[in-house]
Amino acid sequence: MEKKEFLKLLPKLIREDDEIKGAIITALSGVVATKEDITRVIEHSNRRFEEINNRFEDNNKRFEEINKRFEAAAKERSDIQDSVMVLRGTVGEVLQEVDTLKKDIKNGNKEILDYLRE
């Protein structure tokens, strides 16, 4: 039998003759993956992807926590800046009052000395 005739007849033999089908499957078992092999590979891949997804979710939770900390630190820094601005204003007012008091004291001392000289 020629190769062309055999290849034409082979699909029919596989469908109709279990012995030939078994022999072909046995011959190919070390070379071609079975449905079960493919199913196991898919299940293994699904488990690995699930593990990877879980790790990503864990990392996302960590990043969310870190982000919350950064937001809290930024708010605290902003609050400190606001407090420093208020403090600067207050210190400026106090310095003006001290300067005014110095002038008043100096003027008062001058008036006292002028009075005593008279």
N, C-alpha and C. Protein backbone atom coordinates (compact mmCIF):
# COMPACT_ATOMS: atom_id res chain seq x y z
N MET A 1 0.86 -1.18 0.00
CA MET A 1 0.00 0.00 0.00
C MET A 1 0.90 1.23 0.00
N GLU A 2 0.56 2.16 -0.84
CA GLU A 2 1.34 3.39 -0.93
C GLU A 2 0.94 4.33 0.20
N LYS A 3 1.85 5.27 0.43
CA LYS A 3 1.65 6.24 1.51
C LYS A 3 0.37 7.05 1.31
N LYS A 4 0.11 7.51 0.10
CA LYS A 4 -1.08 8.32 -0.18
C LYS A 4 -2.35 7.53 0.12
N GLU A 5 -2.39 6.29 -0.26
CA GLU A 5 -3.57 5.45 -0.01
C GLU A 5 -3.74 5.24 1.49
N PHE A 6 -2.62 5.00 2.17
CA PHE A 6 -2.67 4.77 3.61
C PHE A 6 -3.20 6.01 4.35
N LEU A 7 -2.70 7.19 3.97
CA LEU A 7 -3.15 8.43 4.62
C LEU A 7 -4.62 8.70 4.34
N LYS A 8 -5.09 8.30 3.18
CA LYS A 8 -6.51 8.48 2.85
C LYS A 8 -7.37 7.52 3.67
N LEU A 9 -6.87 6.33 3.91
CA LEU A 9 -7.62 5.30 4.63
C LEU A 9 -7.52 5.45 6.15
N LEU A 10 -6.47 6.07 6.63
CA LEU A 10 -6.20 6.16 8.07
C LEU A 10 -7.34 6.77 8.89
N PRO A 11 -7.90 7.94 8.53
CA PRO A 11 -9.00 8.50 9.34
C PRO A 11 -10.17 7.54 9.50
N LYS A 12 -10.51 6.82 8.42
CA LYS A 12 -11.62 5.86 8.49
C LYS A 12 -11.27 4.72 9.45
N LEU A 13 -10.04 4.22 9.37
CA LEU A 13 -9.62 3.14 10.26
C LEU A 13 -9.65 3.58 11.72
N ILE A 14 -9.21 4.81 11.97
CA ILE A 14 -9.21 5.32 13.36
C ILE A 14 -10.62 5.40 13.90
N ARG A 15 -11.56 5.87 13.08
CA ARG A 15 -12.96 5.99 13.53
C ARG A 15 -13.61 4.62 13.73
N GLU A 16 -13.27 3.65 12.90
CA GLU A 16 -14.03 2.38 12.88
C GLU A 16 -13.33 1.22 13.59
N ASP A 17 -12.04 1.30 13.80
CA ASP A 17 -11.33 0.15 14.36
C ASP A 17 -10.64 0.56 15.66
N ASP A 18 -11.19 0.07 16.80
CA ASP A 18 -10.65 0.42 18.11
C ASP A 18 -9.23 -0.10 18.31
N GLU A 19 -8.89 -1.23 17.71
CA GLU A 19 -7.55 -1.78 17.86
C GLU A 19 -6.52 -0.86 17.19
N ILE A 20 -6.85 -0.38 16.02
CA ILE A 20 -5.95 0.55 15.31
C ILE A 20 -5.88 1.87 16.08
N LYS A 21 -7.05 2.36 16.54
CA LYS A 21 -7.08 3.60 17.32
C LYS A 21 -6.20 3.46 18.56
N GLY A 22 -6.30 2.34 19.28
CA GLY A 22 -5.49 2.09 20.48
C GLY A 22 -4.02 2.04 20.15
N ALA A 23 -3.67 1.38 19.05
CA ALA A 23 -2.27 1.27 18.65
C ALA A 23 -1.69 2.65 18.33
N ILE A 24 -2.47 3.46 17.65
CA ILE A 24 -2.01 4.81 17.29
C ILE A 24 -1.85 5.66 18.55
N ILE A 25 -2.84 5.56 19.45
CA ILE A 25 -2.77 6.33 20.71
C ILE A 25 -1.55 5.89 21.50
N THR A 26 -1.30 4.60 21.58
CA THR A 26 -0.13 4.09 22.31
C THR A 26 1.16 4.59 21.66
N ALA A 27 1.20 4.56 20.35
CA ALA A 27 2.40 5.01 19.64
C ALA A 27 2.65 6.50 19.86
N LEU A 28 1.58 7.28 19.96
CA LEU A 28 1.71 8.73 20.11
C LEU A 28 1.76 9.19 21.56
N SER A 29 1.51 8.27 22.51
CA SER A 29 1.40 8.67 23.92
C SER A 29 2.65 9.34 24.45
N GLY A 30 3.80 8.98 23.99
CA GLY A 30 5.02 9.62 24.45
C GLY A 30 5.36 10.89 23.70
N VAL A 31 4.63 11.16 22.63
CA VAL A 31 4.96 12.30 21.77
C VAL A 31 3.90 13.39 21.83
N VAL A 32 2.64 13.00 21.88
CA VAL A 32 1.53 13.95 21.81
C VAL A 32 0.82 14.00 23.17
N ALA A 33 0.47 15.20 23.60
CA ALA A 33 -0.24 15.37 24.86
C ALA A 33 -1.68 14.89 24.72
N THR A 34 -2.16 14.26 25.79
CA THR A 34 -3.56 13.83 25.79
C THR A 34 -4.43 14.96 26.31
N LYS A 35 -5.74 14.77 26.20
CA LYS A 35 -6.66 15.77 26.74
C LYS A 35 -6.45 15.94 28.24
N GLU A 36 -6.19 14.83 28.92
CA GLU A 36 -5.94 14.87 30.36
C GLU A 36 -4.67 15.66 30.67
N ASP A 37 -3.63 15.46 29.85
CA ASP A 37 -2.39 16.22 30.04
C ASP A 37 -2.66 17.71 29.90
N ILE A 38 -3.39 18.07 28.88
CA ILE A 38 -3.71 19.47 28.62
C ILE A 38 -4.57 20.03 29.74
N THR A 39 -5.54 19.23 30.21
CA THR A 39 -6.40 19.66 31.31
C THR A 39 -5.57 19.93 32.56
N ARG A 40 -4.61 19.03 32.87
CA ARG A 40 -3.74 19.24 34.04
C ARG A 40 -2.89 20.50 33.90
N VAL A 41 -2.38 20.72 32.70
CA VAL A 41 -1.57 21.93 32.47
C VAL A 41 -2.43 23.18 32.67
N ILE A 42 -3.65 23.17 32.15
CA ILE A 42 -4.56 24.31 32.30
C ILE A 42 -4.90 24.53 33.77
N GLU A 43 -5.21 23.45 34.50
CA GLU A 43 -5.53 23.57 35.92
C GLU A 43 -4.34 24.12 36.70
N HIS A 44 -3.15 23.61 36.38
CA HIS A 44 -1.94 24.11 37.05
C HIS A 44 -1.74 25.60 36.75
N SER A 45 -1.92 25.97 35.49
CA SER A 45 -1.78 27.39 35.11
C SER A 45 -2.81 28.24 35.83
N ASN A 46 -4.04 27.74 35.93
CA ASN A 46 -5.09 28.50 36.63
C ASN A 46 -4.72 28.71 38.10
N ARG A 47 -4.18 27.67 38.75
CA ARG A 47 -3.76 27.81 40.15
C ARG A 47 -2.65 28.83 40.28
N ARG A 48 -1.67 28.79 39.37
CA ARG A 48 -0.56 29.73 39.42
C ARG A 48 -1.06 31.17 39.21
N PHE A 49 -1.97 31.34 38.24
CA PHE A 49 -2.50 32.68 38.00
C PHE A 49 -3.29 33.17 39.20
N GLU A 50 -4.00 32.27 39.87
CA GLU A 50 -4.75 32.65 41.07
C GLU A 50 -3.78 33.08 42.17
N GLU A 51 -2.68 32.34 42.32
CA GLU A 51 -1.67 32.72 43.31
C GLU A 51 -1.08 34.09 42.98
N ILE A 52 -0.80 34.32 41.71
CA ILE A 52 -0.24 35.60 41.29
C ILE A 52 -1.26 36.72 41.55
N ASN A 53 -2.53 36.46 41.23
CA ASN A 53 -3.58 37.46 41.50
C ASN A 53 -3.66 37.78 42.98
N ASN A 54 -3.56 36.75 43.82
CA ASN A 54 -3.60 36.97 45.27
C ASN A 54 -2.43 37.82 45.73
N ARG A 55 -1.25 37.56 45.15
CA ARG A 55 -0.08 38.37 45.51
C ARG A 55 -0.28 39.82 45.08
N PHE A 56 -0.83 40.02 43.89
CA PHE A 56 -1.08 41.38 43.42
C PHE A 56 -2.09 42.08 44.33
N GLU A 57 -3.11 41.36 44.75
CA GLU A 57 -4.10 41.95 45.66
C GLU A 57 -3.45 42.34 46.99
N ASP A 58 -2.59 41.45 47.51
CA ASP A 58 -1.87 41.76 48.75
C ASP A 58 -1.00 43.00 48.57
N ASN A 59 -0.29 43.05 47.45
CA ASN A 59 0.56 44.23 47.18
C ASN A 59 -0.28 45.49 47.03
N ASN A 60 -1.43 45.38 46.38
CA ASN A 60 -2.31 46.54 46.24
C ASN A 60 -2.76 47.04 47.60
N LYS A 61 -3.08 46.12 48.51
CA LYS A 61 -3.49 46.51 49.86
C LYS A 61 -2.35 47.22 50.58
N ARG A 62 -1.13 46.70 50.39
CA ARG A 62 0.03 47.34 51.03
C ARG A 62 0.22 48.76 50.46
N PHE A 63 0.11 48.88 49.14
CA PHE A 63 0.28 50.21 48.53
C PHE A 63 -0.82 51.16 48.98
N GLU A 64 -2.04 50.65 49.15
CA GLU A 64 -3.12 51.51 49.65
C GLU A 64 -2.79 52.01 51.06
N GLU A 65 -2.27 51.11 51.87
CA GLU A 65 -1.88 51.48 53.25
C GLU A 65 -0.77 52.53 53.22
N ILE A 66 0.23 52.29 52.38
CA ILE A 66 1.34 53.25 52.26
C ILE A 66 0.82 54.59 51.76
N ASN A 67 -0.09 54.55 50.79
CA ASN A 67 -0.67 55.78 50.25
C ASN A 67 -1.42 56.56 51.33
N LYS A 68 -2.15 55.83 52.18
CA LYS A 68 -2.85 56.50 53.28
C LYS A 68 -1.86 57.18 54.22
N ARG A 69 -0.74 56.50 54.47
CA ARG A 69 0.28 57.09 55.34
C ARG A 69 0.87 58.34 54.72
N PHE A 70 1.14 58.29 53.41
CA PHE A 70 1.67 59.48 52.73
C PHE A 70 0.67 60.63 52.77
N GLU A 71 -0.61 60.29 52.57
CA GLU A 71 -1.64 61.34 52.63
C GLU A 71 -1.70 61.95 54.03
N ALA A 72 -1.61 61.10 55.06
CA ALA A 72 -1.63 61.61 56.44
C ALA A 72 -0.40 62.48 56.70
N ALA A 73 0.76 62.05 56.20
CA ALA A 73 1.99 62.83 56.39
C ALA A 73 1.88 64.16 55.65
N ALA A 74 1.30 64.15 54.45
CA ALA A 74 1.15 65.39 53.69
C ALA A 74 0.21 66.34 54.40
N LYS A 75 -0.88 65.80 54.99
CA LYS A 75 -1.81 66.65 55.74
C LYS A 75 -1.13 67.23 56.98
N GLU A 76 -0.36 66.39 57.66
CA GLU A 76 0.36 66.86 58.84
C GLU A 76 1.35 67.97 58.46
N ARG A 77 2.07 67.77 57.35
CA ARG A 77 3.01 68.79 56.89
C ARG A 77 2.27 70.09 56.56
N SER A 78 1.12 69.96 55.92
CA SER A 78 0.32 71.14 55.58
C SER A 78 -0.16 71.85 56.85
N ASP A 79 -0.60 71.05 57.84
CA ASP A 79 -1.03 71.64 59.11
C ASP A 79 0.12 72.37 59.80
N ILE A 80 1.31 71.76 59.75
CA ILE A 80 2.49 72.40 60.35
C ILE A 80 2.80 73.70 59.63
N GLN A 81 2.73 73.68 58.30
CA GLN A 81 2.98 74.91 57.54
C GLN A 81 1.99 76.00 57.91
N ASP A 82 0.72 75.61 58.05
CA ASP A 82 -0.30 76.59 58.46
C ASP A 82 0.02 77.15 59.85
N SER A 83 0.43 76.26 60.76
CA SER A 83 0.77 76.70 62.13
C SER A 83 1.97 77.63 62.12
N VAL A 84 2.95 77.31 61.28
CA VAL A 84 4.14 78.17 61.19
C VAL A 84 3.75 79.55 60.66
N MET A 85 2.85 79.59 59.69
CA MET A 85 2.40 80.89 59.16
C MET A 85 1.71 81.71 60.25
N VAL A 86 0.84 81.06 61.02
CA VAL A 86 0.16 81.75 62.12
C VAL A 86 1.18 82.22 63.14
N LEU A 87 2.13 81.35 63.46
CA LEU A 87 3.16 81.69 64.44
C LEU A 87 4.01 82.87 63.96
N ARG A 88 4.36 82.87 62.68
CA ARG A 88 5.13 83.99 62.13
C ARG A 88 4.36 85.30 62.28
N GLY A 89 3.06 85.23 61.96
CA GLY A 89 2.23 86.43 62.10
C GLY A 89 2.20 86.90 63.55
N THR A 90 2.02 85.96 64.46
CA THR A 90 1.97 86.29 65.89
C THR A 90 3.30 86.87 66.36
N VAL A 91 4.41 86.25 65.97
CA VAL A 91 5.73 86.74 66.36
C VAL A 91 5.94 88.14 65.78
N GLY A 92 5.52 88.34 64.55
CA GLY A 92 5.64 89.68 63.95
C GLY A 92 4.87 90.72 64.74
N GLU A 93 3.65 90.37 65.16
CA GLU A 93 2.85 91.30 65.96
C GLU A 93 3.51 91.59 67.31
N VAL A 94 4.04 90.55 67.94
CA VAL A 94 4.71 90.71 69.23
C VAL A 94 5.93 91.61 69.07
N LEU A 95 6.70 91.38 68.01
CA LEU A 95 7.89 92.21 67.78
C LEU A 95 7.50 93.68 67.57
N GLN A 96 6.40 93.90 66.86
CA GLN A 96 5.93 95.27 66.67
C GLN A 96 5.53 95.90 68.01
N GLU A 97 4.84 95.11 68.83
CA GLU A 97 4.44 95.61 70.15
C GLU A 97 5.65 95.88 71.02
N VAL A 98 6.66 95.01 70.96
CA VAL A 98 7.88 95.22 71.74
C VAL A 98 8.57 96.50 71.25
N ASP A 99 8.64 96.67 69.94
CA ASP A 99 9.26 97.87 69.39
C ASP A 99 8.51 99.12 69.85
N THR A 100 7.17 99.05 69.82
CA THR A 100 6.36 100.17 70.28
C THR A 100 6.61 100.43 71.77
N LEU A 101 6.67 99.35 72.56
CA LEU A 101 6.94 99.50 74.01
C LEU A 101 8.31 100.11 74.24
N LYS A 102 9.31 99.67 73.47
CA LYS A 102 10.65 100.26 73.61
C LYS A 102 10.61 101.76 73.35
N LYS A 103 9.89 102.13 72.28
CA LYS A 103 9.79 103.56 71.95
C LYS A 103 9.05 104.30 73.06
N ASP A 104 7.97 103.68 73.56
CA ASP A 104 7.21 104.33 74.65
C ASP A 104 8.08 104.48 75.89
N ILE A 105 8.85 103.43 76.21
CA ILE A 105 9.72 103.50 77.39
C ILE A 105 10.79 104.57 77.19
N LYS A 106 11.36 104.57 76.00
CA LYS A 106 12.39 105.57 75.71
C LYS A 106 11.82 106.98 75.81
N ASN A 107 10.62 107.17 75.24
CA ASN A 107 9.97 108.48 75.32
C ASN A 107 9.60 108.82 76.77
N GLY A 108 9.15 107.80 77.50
CA GLY A 108 8.80 108.02 78.91
C GLY A 108 10.02 108.39 79.72
N ASN A 109 11.11 107.68 79.50
CA ASN A 109 12.36 107.99 80.21
C ASN A 109 12.82 109.40 79.87
N LYS A 110 12.69 109.77 78.61
CA LYS A 110 13.10 111.12 78.20
C LYS A 110 12.24 112.17 78.89
N GLU A 111 10.95 111.90 78.95
CA GLU A 111 10.05 112.85 79.62
C GLU A 111 10.39 112.97 81.09
N ILE A 112 10.72 111.83 81.73
CA ILE A 112 11.08 111.85 83.16
C ILE A 112 12.37 112.65 83.36
N LEU A 113 13.35 112.37 82.52
CA LEU A 113 14.62 113.08 82.63
C LEU A 113 14.43 114.58 82.38
N ASP A 114 13.64 114.90 81.36
CA ASP A 114 13.36 116.31 81.08
C ASP A 114 12.68 116.95 82.27
N TYR A 115 11.76 116.27 82.89
CA TYR A 115 11.04 116.79 84.06
C TYR A 115 11.99 117.00 85.21
N LEU A 116 12.88 116.00 85.41
CA LEU A 116 13.82 116.12 86.51
C LEU A 116 14.83 117.24 86.29
N ARG A 117 15.13 117.55 85.09
CA ARG A 117 16.08 118.60 84.79
C ARG A 117 15.46 119.97 85.01
N GLU A 118 14.25 120.07 84.94
CA GLU A 118 13.61 121.39 85.07
C GLU A 118 13.56 121.84 86.45
